[in-house]
Amino acid sequence: MSDSTSQQAIPSLESILCTEELQHRPWRSHDYARETRALTKLAHALAESPQTILQTLAETILDTTRADSAGLALLRKEDEGKTFYWPAVAGAWKMYIGRITPRDFSPSGDVLDRNIPLLFKHLQLRYTHFAAIKEAPAEALFVPFFINGKAVGTVWAVIHNEERKFDAEDERLLVSLGRVASLAYQTLMSIQELKFQMAERERADTELQKLNNELEVRVQIRTKELEESNREIKKLRDHLHKENIALREELDKSSIFEEIVGNSSGLKEVLSRVTQVAPTDSTVLITGETGTGKELIARAIHKRSKRSGNEFLAVNCSAIPSSLIASELFGHEKGAFTGAVQRKLGRFELADGGTIFLDEISELPIETQVALLRFLQEREFERVGGQEPIKVDVRVVAATNCDLEKLIAVGTFRSDLFYRLNVFPIKIPPLRERQEDIPMLAEYFIARHARNLGKRFRRLDKKTLNAIRSYRWPGNVRELQNVIERSAIVCNTENFLLDERWVGQQSALLPPGSDVFTKELVGFERRMIETALEQTKGRVSGPKGAALKLGIPASTLDSKIRSLGINKHRFK
């Protein structure tokens, strides 16, 4: 064992021997009057402060034990309990109030390490930091001091002469008075903490009220500013609204139907019906061959309606797989089918307050036709996988390029849906029946594509004009536009020229009733298409589609299938 360790162990061992000796000393009789007086002092101190409690404890210990000095040593929180602080001292050592002593190798430290009372003799000989203290101690009695059940320091009494000795009664008094003082101290500390918290709360409430008052003033100022700004904005909005109305009326007078070009009686009849039905909410069914401009007519209806400020959504029913068309139109709930990882709003919900245009309505599967019929009847629907009815305010405009009554006859289109859609029918004549409109359309498309290409054409070549007039335009206005665009790209002269080969032959597949085909050829045409569909399991487009087998565009084949009333779904 090292010398340092031996020096630290000897005082502790001697202290234990001294404590055992304490139990063998004669007990003096209890002085209940003195003890009662001490307890009364502690009770009175309860009305003061924690510091008063500790100082009163030191003074009552001094009185009851008849010691020369008494006090407390508490561990300091500032250095995590490495030193003791003397907050209260009475008697000869009173001058040492506030003294700081080390925890290690100290009488208070030994008491806390063993958690028992200890009696020491001549502390200055064993603990060097007591050597400089005047009035050297002859005996010192230390007992643990507890706060909330934890030893946080010691209560001690000191005798400075050899005539007086501590006994077991002194130990009892230190323990008893220390316990009472501890409870009083804890109570006062709790009260002080509560007072502090209440003071902090009151201060915080005062600050909060101050901030609220300031905020209220700012809000009032800002509200006045916003009200003034809103009044100015309203004035500007009203002014702009009036200007907008005037401009729209002027625009409507000059060009009611924008890109709808022509002056033929057939087109005038169509535009007249548009003007009649547009202000209403009636369902409209637009019929006409591919490329006649059915979507333009639908947009004209929307623009002239009270819904013109809201959405116009166009849906091509033939471009969406039959397995997805219901979800696309009416939306679906999360988990409604494989891949439905979240709720999706359908086109009807997105068009709420506006117009939805259902192109190629004949391509709707039967089950989706039922859902559309319900919406037209009840103005409500359910998302795929959902059970809650959803009501929306949507106007329906539908279009088709085939004879729906033929499809009803073969069972691919519901008759009740047809009657719901056919509230106000508009039939667009094909371009071949609008001969007087062809030059106007040609000039319109030439000017548009010249502008887009940065070219300038002075006039339409006469030979070209005769060619486009004599051509039957099976693809109607769309085909005319495409031919004009193609010619504008390749033409490098001021006179607009057209390659006659582009309009010199009719499509290999013309609509039934054309004077080019006999009834036998039409029947042969149907058999060819049905055979191709059977081989491709109803697929029209793509590398494995019937269109590729027949050597014609998929759009042309789609048009022909509808015009012939062929149900392509029965081949799947």
Protein backbone atom coordinates (compact mmCIF):
# COMPACT_ATOMS: atom_id res chain seq x y z
CA MET A 1 0.00 0.00 0.00
CA SER A 2 1.40 3.45 -0.92
CA ASP A 3 2.00 6.18 1.68
CA SER A 4 -0.77 8.32 0.16
CA THR A 5 -3.30 5.49 0.40
CA SER A 6 -2.22 4.72 3.96
CA GLN A 7 -2.65 8.36 4.99
CA GLN A 8 -6.19 8.39 3.54
CA ALA A 9 -7.18 5.10 5.21
CA ILE A 10 -5.89 5.91 8.71
CA PRO A 11 -8.30 8.85 9.46
CA SER A 12 -11.24 6.81 8.24
CA LEU A 13 -10.30 3.85 10.43
CA GLU A 14 -9.69 6.06 13.42
CA SER A 15 -13.01 7.82 12.81
CA ILE A 16 -14.83 4.49 12.89
CA LEU A 17 -13.05 3.61 16.16
CA CYS A 18 -14.04 7.00 17.57
CA THR A 19 -17.65 6.44 16.52
CA GLU A 20 -17.71 3.05 18.28
CA GLU A 21 -16.25 4.75 21.36
CA LEU A 22 -19.17 7.24 21.16
CA GLN A 23 -21.66 4.44 21.77
CA HIS A 24 -19.84 3.41 24.99
CA ARG A 25 -19.71 6.87 26.53
CA PRO A 26 -22.24 7.68 29.26
CA TRP A 27 -25.51 9.10 27.89
CA ARG A 28 -26.71 12.31 29.37
CA SER A 29 -30.41 12.60 30.04
CA HIS A 30 -32.73 14.09 27.40
CA ASP A 31 -33.22 17.82 27.67
CA TYR A 32 -36.73 17.95 26.18
CA ALA A 33 -37.17 21.66 26.88
CA ARG A 34 -34.02 22.52 24.94
CA GLU A 35 -34.99 20.18 22.08
CA THR A 36 -38.53 21.61 21.97
CA ARG A 37 -37.11 25.11 21.84
CA ALA A 38 -34.90 24.08 18.92
CA LEU A 39 -37.82 22.55 17.01
CA THR A 40 -39.87 25.69 17.65
CA LYS A 41 -37.10 27.82 16.16
CA LEU A 42 -37.00 25.58 13.08
CA ALA A 43 -40.78 25.84 12.75
CA HIS A 44 -40.61 29.63 12.90
CA ALA A 45 -37.84 29.64 10.32
CA LEU A 46 -40.18 27.80 7.92
CA ALA A 47 -41.87 31.15 7.30
CA GLU A 48 -38.61 32.72 6.21
CA SER A 49 -36.22 31.35 3.57
CA PRO A 50 -34.13 28.20 2.89
CA GLN A 51 -31.01 30.06 4.05
CA THR A 52 -32.72 30.99 7.32
CA ILE A 53 -33.65 27.33 7.88
CA LEU A 54 -30.01 26.25 7.50
CA GLN A 55 -28.66 28.99 9.76
CA THR A 56 -31.34 28.24 12.39
CA LEU A 57 -30.35 24.56 12.20
CA ALA A 58 -26.71 25.49 12.91
CA GLU A 59 -27.74 27.65 15.87
CA THR A 60 -30.12 25.04 17.38
CA ILE A 61 -27.43 22.34 17.08
CA LEU A 62 -25.01 24.65 18.84
CA ASP A 63 -27.56 25.16 21.65
CA THR A 64 -28.80 21.59 22.07
CA THR A 65 -25.41 19.86 21.87
CA ARG A 66 -23.61 22.63 23.81
CA ALA A 67 -20.92 22.55 21.14
CA ASP A 68 -18.51 25.39 20.40
CA SER A 69 -19.18 25.49 16.65
CA ALA A 70 -21.86 23.98 14.42
CA GLY A 71 -22.85 24.16 10.77
CA LEU A 72 -23.56 22.43 7.46
CA ALA A 73 -21.44 21.41 4.50
CA LEU A 74 -23.34 20.95 1.19
CA LEU A 75 -21.99 19.62 -2.09
CA ARG A 76 -21.63 22.32 -4.75
CA LYS A 77 -23.50 21.90 -8.02
CA GLU A 78 -21.16 24.34 -9.74
CA ASP A 79 -18.28 21.82 -9.89
CA GLU A 80 -20.45 18.67 -9.98
CA GLY A 81 -19.92 17.87 -6.28
CA LYS A 82 -16.13 18.03 -6.14
CA THR A 83 -16.19 20.49 -3.21
CA PHE A 84 -18.33 21.37 -0.19
CA TYR A 85 -19.82 24.78 0.59
CA TRP A 86 -20.56 25.91 4.17
CA PRO A 87 -23.88 27.84 3.84
CA ALA A 88 -24.53 28.10 7.60
CA VAL A 89 -22.14 28.23 10.60
CA ALA A 90 -22.75 29.18 14.28
CA GLY A 91 -20.41 29.61 17.21
CA ALA A 92 -16.65 30.10 17.13
CA TRP A 93 -16.36 29.23 13.44
CA LYS A 94 -19.15 31.59 12.29
CA MET A 95 -16.55 33.63 10.44
CA TYR A 96 -16.12 30.70 8.04
CA ILE A 97 -19.64 30.94 6.51
CA GLY A 98 -19.21 30.47 2.75
CA ARG A 99 -16.02 28.43 3.12
CA ILE A 100 -15.27 25.90 0.37
CA THR A 101 -13.51 22.63 1.24
CA PRO A 102 -12.60 19.61 -0.96
CA ARG A 103 -14.80 16.54 -1.02
CA ASP A 104 -12.00 14.02 -1.34
CA PHE A 105 -9.99 13.34 1.79
CA SER A 106 -12.33 15.31 4.05
CA PRO A 107 -14.52 14.39 7.04
CA SER A 108 -17.75 15.23 5.15
CA GLY A 109 -16.54 13.17 2.18
CA ASP A 110 -15.85 10.15 4.45
CA VAL A 111 -19.32 10.48 6.00
CA LEU A 112 -21.02 10.54 2.56
CA ASP A 113 -18.90 7.63 1.32
CA ARG A 114 -20.11 5.48 4.26
CA ASN A 115 -23.51 7.15 4.68
CA ILE A 116 -23.21 6.95 8.51
CA PRO A 117 -22.43 9.42 11.32
CA LEU A 118 -18.71 9.66 12.20
CA LEU A 119 -16.87 11.08 15.25
CA PHE A 120 -13.44 12.63 14.63
CA LYS A 121 -10.64 13.71 17.00
CA HIS A 122 -8.24 16.50 16.10
CA LEU A 123 -9.33 16.99 12.48
CA GLN A 124 -6.39 19.29 11.77
CA LEU A 125 -3.97 16.41 12.25
CA ARG A 126 -5.72 14.24 9.65
CA TYR A 127 -7.22 16.71 7.16
CA THR A 128 -4.65 19.33 6.21
CA HIS A 129 -7.17 21.98 5.06
CA PHE A 130 -8.30 22.34 8.73
CA ALA A 131 -4.76 23.26 9.89
CA ALA A 132 -5.21 26.94 9.05
CA ILE A 133 -8.51 27.25 10.94
CA LYS A 134 -8.37 29.11 14.23
CA GLU A 135 -9.89 27.48 17.27
CA ALA A 136 -8.63 23.98 16.51
CA PRO A 137 -11.24 21.22 17.02
CA ALA A 138 -10.77 18.63 19.76
CA GLU A 139 -13.76 16.55 18.63
CA ALA A 140 -16.08 16.84 15.68
CA LEU A 141 -19.35 14.94 15.08
CA PHE A 142 -20.57 14.71 11.46
CA VAL A 143 -23.93 13.18 10.31
CA PRO A 144 -25.33 12.94 6.72
CA PHE A 145 -27.77 15.63 5.59
CA PHE A 146 -30.46 14.41 3.16
CA ILE A 147 -32.53 16.23 0.54
CA ASN A 148 -35.29 14.18 -1.09
CA GLY A 149 -33.74 10.99 0.27
CA LYS A 150 -30.28 11.70 -1.13
CA ALA A 151 -27.24 12.59 1.01
CA VAL A 152 -26.07 15.98 -0.23
CA GLY A 153 -23.86 17.08 2.65
CA THR A 154 -23.31 16.88 6.40
CA VAL A 155 -24.51 18.49 9.62
CA TRP A 156 -21.67 18.89 12.08
CA ALA A 157 -20.83 20.04 15.60
CA VAL A 158 -17.32 20.83 16.94
CA ILE A 159 -15.86 21.05 20.47
CA HIS A 160 -12.65 23.06 20.76
CA ASN A 161 -11.49 21.89 24.26
CA GLU A 162 -10.81 18.55 25.86
CA GLU A 163 -13.20 19.07 28.81
CA ARG A 164 -16.41 18.38 26.86
CA LYS A 165 -17.08 15.10 25.03
CA PHE A 166 -19.85 14.22 22.55
CA ASP A 167 -22.15 11.30 23.43
CA ALA A 168 -24.85 9.28 21.69
CA GLU A 169 -27.49 11.86 22.69
CA ASP A 170 -25.60 14.47 20.65
CA GLU A 171 -25.63 12.14 17.65
CA ARG A 172 -29.38 11.61 18.04
CA LEU A 173 -30.03 15.34 18.23
CA LEU A 174 -27.95 16.05 15.09
CA VAL A 175 -29.79 13.34 13.17
CA SER A 176 -33.21 14.41 14.47
CA LEU A 177 -32.75 18.14 13.99
CA GLY A 178 -31.10 17.56 10.59
CA ARG A 179 -34.10 15.51 9.47
CA VAL A 180 -36.61 18.18 10.55
CA ALA A 181 -34.53 20.93 8.96
CA SER A 182 -34.23 18.87 5.77
CA LEU A 183 -38.02 18.57 5.46
CA ALA A 184 -38.45 22.29 6.16
CA TYR A 185 -35.69 23.13 3.69
CA GLN A 186 -37.27 20.96 0.99
CA THR A 187 -40.65 22.58 1.60
CA LEU A 188 -39.25 26.08 1.36
CA MET A 189 -37.24 25.20 -1.74
CA SER A 190 -40.42 23.82 -3.37
CA ILE A 191 -42.32 26.96 -2.41
CA GLN A 192 -39.54 29.16 -3.74
CA GLU A 193 -39.39 27.13 -6.96
CA LEU A 194 -43.15 27.47 -7.30
CA LYS A 195 -42.93 31.21 -6.65
CA PHE A 196 -40.15 31.46 -9.20
CA GLN A 197 -42.19 29.54 -11.75
CA MET A 198 -45.23 31.69 -11.04
CA ALA A 199 -43.11 34.83 -11.37
CA GLU A 200 -41.67 33.51 -14.63
CA ARG A 201 -45.15 32.63 -15.84
CA GLU A 202 -46.43 36.08 -14.89
CA ARG A 203 -43.47 37.67 -16.64
CA ALA A 204 -44.06 35.50 -19.70
CA ASP A 205 -47.78 36.35 -19.63
CA THR A 206 -46.92 40.04 -19.40
CA GLU A 207 -44.51 39.76 -22.32
CA LEU A 208 -47.06 37.74 -24.28
CA GLN A 209 -49.78 40.28 -23.62
CA LYS A 210 -47.41 43.03 -24.68
CA LEU A 211 -46.61 41.15 -27.88
CA ASN A 212 -50.31 40.47 -28.45
CA ASN A 213 -51.09 44.14 -28.06
CA GLU A 214 -48.33 45.07 -30.48
CA LEU A 215 -49.48 42.37 -32.90
CA GLU A 216 -53.07 43.54 -32.64
CA VAL A 217 -52.02 47.08 -33.49
CA ARG A 218 -49.99 45.80 -36.44
CA VAL A 219 -52.88 43.61 -37.60
CA GLN A 220 -55.26 46.56 -37.43
CA ILE A 221 -52.86 48.69 -39.44
CA ARG A 222 -52.25 45.91 -41.94
CA THR A 223 -55.98 45.17 -42.16
CA LYS A 224 -56.69 48.76 -43.05
CA GLU A 225 -53.94 48.67 -45.66
CA LEU A 226 -55.31 45.42 -47.12
CA GLU A 227 -58.86 46.76 -47.13
CA GLU A 228 -57.66 49.80 -49.03
CA SER A 229 -55.68 47.58 -51.41
CA ASN A 230 -58.72 45.31 -51.90
CA ARG A 231 -60.88 48.31 -52.73
CA GLU A 232 -58.33 49.39 -55.34
CA ILE A 233 -58.08 45.84 -56.69
CA LYS A 234 -61.88 45.60 -56.87
CA LYS A 235 -62.01 48.85 -58.82
CA LEU A 236 -59.36 47.56 -61.22
CA ARG A 237 -61.08 44.16 -61.48
CA ASP A 238 -64.44 45.77 -62.24
CA HIS A 239 -62.78 47.99 -64.82
CA LEU A 240 -60.99 45.04 -66.42
CA HIS A 241 -64.19 42.99 -66.33
CA LYS A 242 -66.04 45.71 -68.20
CA GLU A 243 -63.20 45.99 -70.71
CA ASN A 244 -63.12 42.21 -71.07
CA ILE A 245 -66.84 42.08 -71.77
CA ALA A 246 -66.50 44.81 -74.35
CA LEU A 247 -63.53 43.11 -76.01
CA ARG A 248 -65.25 39.71 -76.02
CA GLU A 249 -68.38 41.21 -77.54
CA GLU A 250 -66.24 42.91 -80.18
CA LEU A 251 -64.32 39.69 -80.79
CA ASP A 252 -67.50 37.66 -81.00
CA LYS A 253 -68.88 40.07 -83.54
CA SER A 254 -65.75 39.84 -85.69
CA SER A 255 -65.02 36.11 -85.34
CA ILE A 256 -67.48 33.98 -83.45
CA PHE A 257 -65.94 30.65 -84.39
CA GLU A 258 -62.20 31.40 -84.71
CA GLU A 259 -60.62 28.60 -86.82
CA ILE A 260 -63.90 27.40 -88.34
CA VAL A 261 -63.40 28.69 -91.86
CA GLY A 262 -65.98 28.60 -94.62
CA ASN A 263 -69.07 30.16 -96.08
CA SER A 264 -71.00 27.18 -97.41
CA SER A 265 -74.66 26.66 -96.59
CA GLY A 266 -73.81 23.37 -94.86
CA LEU A 267 -71.30 25.03 -92.52
CA LYS A 268 -73.66 27.95 -91.88
CA GLU A 269 -76.32 25.48 -90.79
CA VAL A 270 -73.86 23.86 -88.35
CA LEU A 271 -72.84 27.23 -86.88
CA SER A 272 -76.46 28.25 -86.54
CA ARG A 273 -77.17 25.14 -84.47
CA VAL A 274 -74.07 25.85 -82.37
CA THR A 275 -75.37 29.35 -81.63
CA GLN A 276 -78.73 27.88 -80.60
CA VAL A 277 -77.46 25.20 -78.22
CA ALA A 278 -74.34 26.85 -76.75
CA PRO A 279 -76.08 28.99 -74.07
CA THR A 280 -77.92 25.92 -72.71
CA ASP A 281 -76.60 22.96 -70.69
CA SER A 282 -78.04 20.38 -73.07
CA THR A 283 -75.99 17.37 -74.11
CA VAL A 284 -74.80 17.57 -77.72
CA LEU A 285 -73.94 14.72 -80.12
CA ILE A 286 -71.71 15.78 -83.03
CA THR A 287 -71.49 13.41 -85.96
CA GLY A 288 -69.38 13.55 -89.08
CA GLU A 289 -66.59 11.81 -90.91
CA THR A 290 -63.01 11.77 -89.65
CA GLY A 291 -61.30 15.14 -90.03
CA THR A 292 -64.41 17.28 -90.41
CA GLY A 293 -63.59 19.35 -87.29
CA LYS A 294 -65.85 17.89 -84.65
CA GLU A 295 -63.59 19.05 -81.79
CA LEU A 296 -63.55 22.61 -83.19
CA ILE A 297 -67.34 22.62 -83.10
CA ALA A 298 -67.28 21.27 -79.53
CA ARG A 299 -64.88 24.04 -78.47
CA ALA A 300 -67.10 26.64 -80.16
CA ILE A 301 -70.07 25.36 -78.12
CA HIS A 302 -68.03 25.64 -74.91
CA LYS A 303 -66.74 29.10 -75.75
CA ARG A 304 -70.21 30.47 -76.41
CA SER A 305 -71.61 28.91 -73.20
CA LYS A 306 -71.77 30.24 -69.64
CA ARG A 307 -69.06 27.67 -68.83
CA SER A 308 -66.47 29.32 -71.05
CA GLY A 309 -64.43 30.50 -68.06
CA ASN A 310 -63.97 26.92 -66.82
CA GLU A 311 -62.26 23.79 -68.12
CA PHE A 312 -62.77 22.24 -71.53
CA LEU A 313 -61.38 18.69 -71.41
CA ALA A 314 -61.17 16.59 -74.58
CA VAL A 315 -60.98 12.80 -74.27
CA ASN A 316 -60.36 10.52 -77.25
CA CYS A 317 -62.09 7.31 -76.19
CA SER A 318 -60.36 5.26 -78.90
CA ALA A 319 -56.88 6.27 -77.67
CA ILE A 320 -57.34 4.82 -74.18
CA PRO A 321 -57.24 1.03 -73.57
CA SER A 322 -60.67 -0.34 -72.71
CA SER A 323 -59.35 -1.61 -69.36
CA LEU A 324 -58.37 1.93 -68.32
CA ILE A 325 -61.11 4.09 -69.85
CA ALA A 326 -63.39 3.92 -66.75
CA SER A 327 -60.53 4.97 -64.47
CA GLU A 328 -59.55 7.76 -66.87
CA LEU A 329 -63.07 9.17 -67.03
CA PHE A 330 -64.30 8.63 -63.47
CA GLY A 331 -61.07 8.20 -61.48
CA HIS A 332 -60.19 5.41 -59.06
CA GLU A 333 -59.55 4.83 -55.37
CA LYS A 334 -56.26 3.66 -53.92
CA GLY A 335 -55.99 -0.13 -54.25
CA ALA A 336 -58.88 -0.35 -56.74
CA PHE A 337 -56.69 -2.50 -59.00
CA THR A 338 -53.07 -3.54 -59.39
CA GLY A 339 -50.96 -0.40 -59.77
CA ALA A 340 -53.53 1.92 -58.17
CA VAL A 341 -51.10 3.15 -55.50
CA GLN A 342 -53.06 6.34 -54.79
CA ARG A 343 -56.40 7.99 -55.44
CA LYS A 344 -56.76 9.52 -58.89
CA LEU A 345 -59.32 12.10 -59.99
CA GLY A 346 -61.02 11.34 -63.28
CA ARG A 347 -61.69 13.70 -66.18
CA PHE A 348 -65.27 14.33 -65.04
CA GLU A 349 -64.07 15.64 -61.65
CA LEU A 350 -61.36 17.73 -63.29
CA ALA A 351 -63.94 19.26 -65.66
CA ASP A 352 -66.33 20.22 -62.83
CA GLY A 353 -68.05 23.46 -63.81
CA GLY A 354 -66.90 23.14 -67.42
CA THR A 355 -67.35 20.94 -70.49
CA ILE A 356 -66.07 17.45 -71.30
CA PHE A 357 -65.74 16.43 -74.94
CA LEU A 358 -65.94 12.67 -75.53
CA ASP A 359 -64.56 12.01 -79.01
CA GLU A 360 -65.00 8.59 -80.65
CA ILE A 361 -67.81 7.83 -78.19
CA SER A 362 -68.55 4.63 -80.11
CA GLU A 363 -65.33 3.10 -78.73
CA LEU A 364 -66.57 3.07 -75.13
CA PRO A 365 -66.82 -0.48 -73.69
CA ILE A 366 -70.34 -1.54 -72.68
CA GLU A 367 -69.59 -1.38 -68.94
CA THR A 368 -68.27 2.18 -69.26
CA GLN A 369 -71.34 3.09 -71.32
CA VAL A 370 -73.43 2.08 -68.29
CA ALA A 371 -71.45 4.41 -66.00
CA LEU A 372 -71.76 7.28 -68.51
CA LEU A 373 -75.51 6.64 -68.81
CA ARG A 374 -75.87 6.86 -65.03
CA PHE A 375 -74.03 10.18 -65.00
CA LEU A 376 -76.24 11.61 -67.73
CA GLN A 377 -79.34 10.51 -65.79
CA GLU A 378 -78.33 11.24 -62.20
CA ARG A 379 -75.42 13.69 -62.65
CA GLU A 380 -73.32 11.52 -60.34
CA PHE A 381 -70.82 8.66 -60.58
CA GLU A 382 -68.52 6.52 -58.45
CA ARG A 383 -64.77 6.21 -58.79
CA VAL A 384 -63.46 2.76 -59.75
CA GLY A 385 -63.17 0.84 -56.48
CA GLY A 386 -65.24 3.46 -54.63
CA GLN A 387 -68.72 3.40 -53.15
CA GLU A 388 -69.38 7.07 -52.48
CA PRO A 389 -71.46 8.88 -55.13
CA ILE A 390 -69.74 11.98 -56.50
CA LYS A 391 -71.75 14.82 -57.98
CA VAL A 392 -70.21 17.22 -60.50
CA ASP A 393 -71.57 19.92 -62.78
CA VAL A 394 -70.25 18.98 -66.22
CA ARG A 395 -71.71 19.47 -69.66
CA VAL A 396 -71.19 16.53 -72.03
CA VAL A 397 -70.48 16.98 -75.71
CA ALA A 398 -69.91 13.69 -77.57
CA ALA A 399 -68.74 12.99 -81.10
CA THR A 400 -68.49 10.03 -83.45
CA ASN A 401 -67.66 9.38 -87.08
CA CYS A 402 -69.74 6.24 -87.40
CA ASP A 403 -73.40 5.31 -87.45
CA LEU A 404 -74.36 4.63 -83.82
CA GLU A 405 -77.69 3.11 -84.86
CA LYS A 406 -75.79 0.40 -86.75
CA LEU A 407 -73.69 -0.26 -83.66
CA ILE A 408 -76.89 -0.52 -81.61
CA ALA A 409 -78.15 -3.10 -84.11
CA VAL A 410 -75.02 -5.27 -83.71
CA GLY A 411 -75.08 -4.86 -79.92
CA THR A 412 -71.91 -2.81 -79.37
CA PHE A 413 -73.65 0.41 -78.33
CA ARG A 414 -76.50 0.90 -75.89
CA SER A 415 -79.66 2.41 -77.29
CA ASP A 416 -80.56 4.15 -74.01
CA LEU A 417 -77.16 5.87 -73.98
CA PHE A 418 -77.67 6.93 -77.59
CA TYR A 419 -80.97 8.63 -76.71
CA ARG A 420 -79.36 10.40 -73.75
CA LEU A 421 -76.52 11.68 -75.95
CA ASN A 422 -78.65 12.59 -78.93
CA VAL A 423 -80.49 15.43 -77.17
CA PHE A 424 -79.23 17.98 -79.66
CA PRO A 425 -77.55 16.40 -82.71
CA ILE A 426 -75.24 18.36 -84.97
CA LYS A 427 -74.12 16.73 -88.21
CA ILE A 428 -71.03 18.18 -89.89
CA PRO A 429 -71.03 17.71 -93.66
CA PRO A 430 -67.88 16.22 -95.26
CA LEU A 431 -65.55 18.56 -97.15
CA ARG A 432 -66.60 17.12 -100.52
CA GLU A 433 -70.08 18.56 -99.86
CA ARG A 434 -68.60 22.00 -99.05
CA GLN A 435 -66.85 22.67 -102.35
CA GLU A 436 -67.11 26.46 -101.97
CA ASP A 437 -65.23 26.28 -98.67
CA ILE A 438 -62.16 24.50 -100.08
CA PRO A 439 -60.41 27.59 -101.57
CA MET A 440 -60.99 29.57 -98.35
CA LEU A 441 -59.62 26.73 -96.24
CA ALA A 442 -56.63 26.32 -98.57
CA GLU A 443 -55.79 30.04 -98.34
CA TYR A 444 -56.18 29.93 -94.55
CA PHE A 445 -53.84 26.95 -94.13
CA ILE A 446 -51.30 28.32 -96.63
CA ALA A 447 -51.10 31.61 -94.71
CA ARG A 448 -50.74 29.83 -91.37
CA HIS A 449 -47.98 27.44 -92.45
CA ALA A 450 -46.15 30.12 -94.42
CA ARG A 451 -46.05 32.22 -91.28
CA ASN A 452 -44.80 29.27 -89.20
CA LEU A 453 -42.12 28.41 -91.78
CA GLY A 454 -41.04 31.99 -92.40
CA LYS A 455 -42.05 31.82 -96.06
CA ARG A 456 -44.17 34.03 -98.29
CA PHE A 457 -46.49 32.84 -101.05
CA ARG A 458 -48.02 35.48 -103.32
CA ARG A 459 -50.85 33.42 -104.72
CA LEU A 460 -52.27 29.93 -105.08
CA ASP A 461 -51.30 28.27 -108.34
CA LYS A 462 -54.38 27.80 -110.57
CA LYS A 463 -53.47 24.21 -111.39
CA THR A 464 -53.13 23.49 -107.69
CA LEU A 465 -56.51 25.11 -107.00
CA ASN A 466 -58.18 22.90 -109.62
CA ALA A 467 -56.51 19.82 -108.15
CA ILE A 468 -57.71 20.45 -104.62
CA ARG A 469 -61.21 21.25 -105.90
CA SER A 470 -61.51 18.04 -107.87
CA TYR A 471 -60.17 15.81 -105.09
CA ARG A 472 -62.81 14.14 -102.91
CA TRP A 473 -60.86 14.59 -99.61
CA PRO A 474 -61.81 11.38 -97.77
CA GLY A 475 -59.82 12.69 -94.79
CA ASN A 476 -61.75 15.97 -94.99
CA VAL A 477 -60.34 19.20 -93.49
CA ARG A 478 -57.58 17.37 -91.59
CA GLU A 479 -56.29 15.79 -94.80
CA LEU A 480 -56.44 19.14 -96.59
CA GLN A 481 -54.45 20.78 -93.79
CA ASN A 482 -51.80 18.03 -93.86
CA VAL A 483 -51.41 18.24 -97.65
CA ILE A 484 -51.10 22.04 -97.50
CA GLU A 485 -48.48 21.80 -94.72
CA ARG A 486 -46.48 19.18 -96.63
CA SER A 487 -46.57 21.33 -99.76
CA ALA A 488 -45.57 24.47 -97.84
CA ILE A 489 -42.48 22.66 -96.55
CA VAL A 490 -41.25 21.54 -99.96
CA CYS A 491 -42.40 24.57 -102.01
CA ASN A 492 -39.60 27.09 -102.66
CA THR A 493 -41.37 29.43 -105.10
CA GLU A 494 -43.58 32.47 -104.55
CA ASN A 495 -46.47 30.66 -106.20
CA PHE A 496 -47.84 27.94 -103.95
CA LEU A 497 -47.56 24.61 -105.81
CA LEU A 498 -49.02 21.23 -104.89
CA ASP A 499 -47.70 17.83 -105.94
CA GLU A 500 -50.72 16.38 -107.76
CA ARG A 501 -49.66 12.86 -106.79
CA TRP A 502 -50.73 13.65 -103.22
CA VAL A 503 -54.33 14.24 -104.34
CA GLY A 504 -54.47 12.09 -107.45
CA GLN A 505 -55.66 8.85 -105.86
CA GLN A 506 -58.50 8.07 -103.52
CA SER A 507 -58.01 6.09 -100.33
CA ALA A 508 -58.03 2.34 -100.79
CA LEU A 509 -60.87 2.15 -98.27
CA LEU A 510 -63.77 4.55 -98.93
CA PRO A 511 -66.95 4.81 -96.85
CA PRO A 512 -69.86 2.50 -97.73
CA GLY A 513 -72.15 3.97 -100.35
CA SER A 514 -69.31 5.51 -102.38
CA ASP A 515 -69.85 5.21 -106.09
CA VAL A 516 -66.34 3.72 -106.43
CA PHE A 517 -67.26 0.43 -104.82
CA THR A 518 -70.03 -2.00 -105.54
CA LYS A 519 -71.82 -3.81 -102.78
CA GLU A 520 -69.70 -6.88 -103.51
CA LEU A 521 -66.49 -4.91 -102.96
CA VAL A 522 -67.84 -3.53 -99.70
CA GLY A 523 -68.58 -7.07 -98.51
CA PHE A 524 -65.11 -8.16 -99.56
CA GLU A 525 -63.68 -5.19 -97.68
CA ARG A 526 -65.55 -6.21 -94.50
CA ARG A 527 -64.28 -9.79 -94.77
CA MET A 528 -60.69 -8.58 -95.21
CA ILE A 529 -60.90 -6.40 -92.11
CA GLU A 530 -62.60 -9.08 -89.97
CA THR A 531 -59.98 -11.67 -91.06
CA ALA A 532 -57.16 -9.31 -90.08
CA LEU A 533 -58.80 -8.55 -86.74
CA GLU A 534 -59.25 -12.25 -86.06
CA GLN A 535 -55.56 -12.88 -86.77
CA THR A 536 -54.47 -10.01 -84.49
CA LYS A 537 -57.04 -10.77 -81.76
CA GLY A 538 -58.78 -7.43 -82.21
CA ARG A 539 -55.59 -5.32 -82.14
CA VAL A 540 -55.72 -2.43 -84.65
CA SER A 541 -52.44 -0.55 -84.29
CA GLY A 542 -48.85 -1.50 -83.45
CA PRO A 543 -46.40 -3.98 -84.98
CA LYS A 544 -48.88 -6.81 -84.45
CA GLY A 545 -51.99 -4.87 -85.45
CA ALA A 546 -54.44 -5.39 -88.28
CA ALA A 547 -53.58 -2.03 -89.87
CA LEU A 548 -50.04 -3.21 -90.57
CA LYS A 549 -51.33 -6.42 -92.12
CA LEU A 550 -53.67 -4.49 -94.42
CA GLY A 551 -51.03 -1.88 -95.22
CA ILE A 552 -53.14 1.13 -94.22
CA PRO A 553 -52.88 3.71 -91.40
CA ALA A 554 -54.39 2.66 -88.08
CA SER A 555 -56.61 5.77 -88.02
CA THR A 556 -58.04 4.87 -91.43
CA LEU A 557 -58.73 1.30 -90.31
CA ASP A 558 -60.36 2.55 -87.09
CA SER A 559 -62.61 4.82 -89.12
CA LYS A 560 -63.52 1.99 -91.47
CA ILE A 561 -64.29 -0.40 -88.59
CA ARG A 562 -66.73 2.09 -87.13
CA SER A 563 -68.33 3.00 -90.43
CA LEU A 564 -68.89 -0.70 -91.23
CA GLY A 565 -70.25 -1.34 -87.73
CA ILE A 566 -67.63 -4.04 -86.96
CA ASN A 567 -67.29 -4.97 -83.30
CA LYS A 568 -63.51 -5.38 -82.89
CA HIS A 569 -63.91 -6.41 -79.23
CA ARG A 570 -65.43 -9.78 -80.19
CA PHE A 571 -62.10 -10.84 -81.71
CA LYS A 572 -60.19 -10.42 -78.41
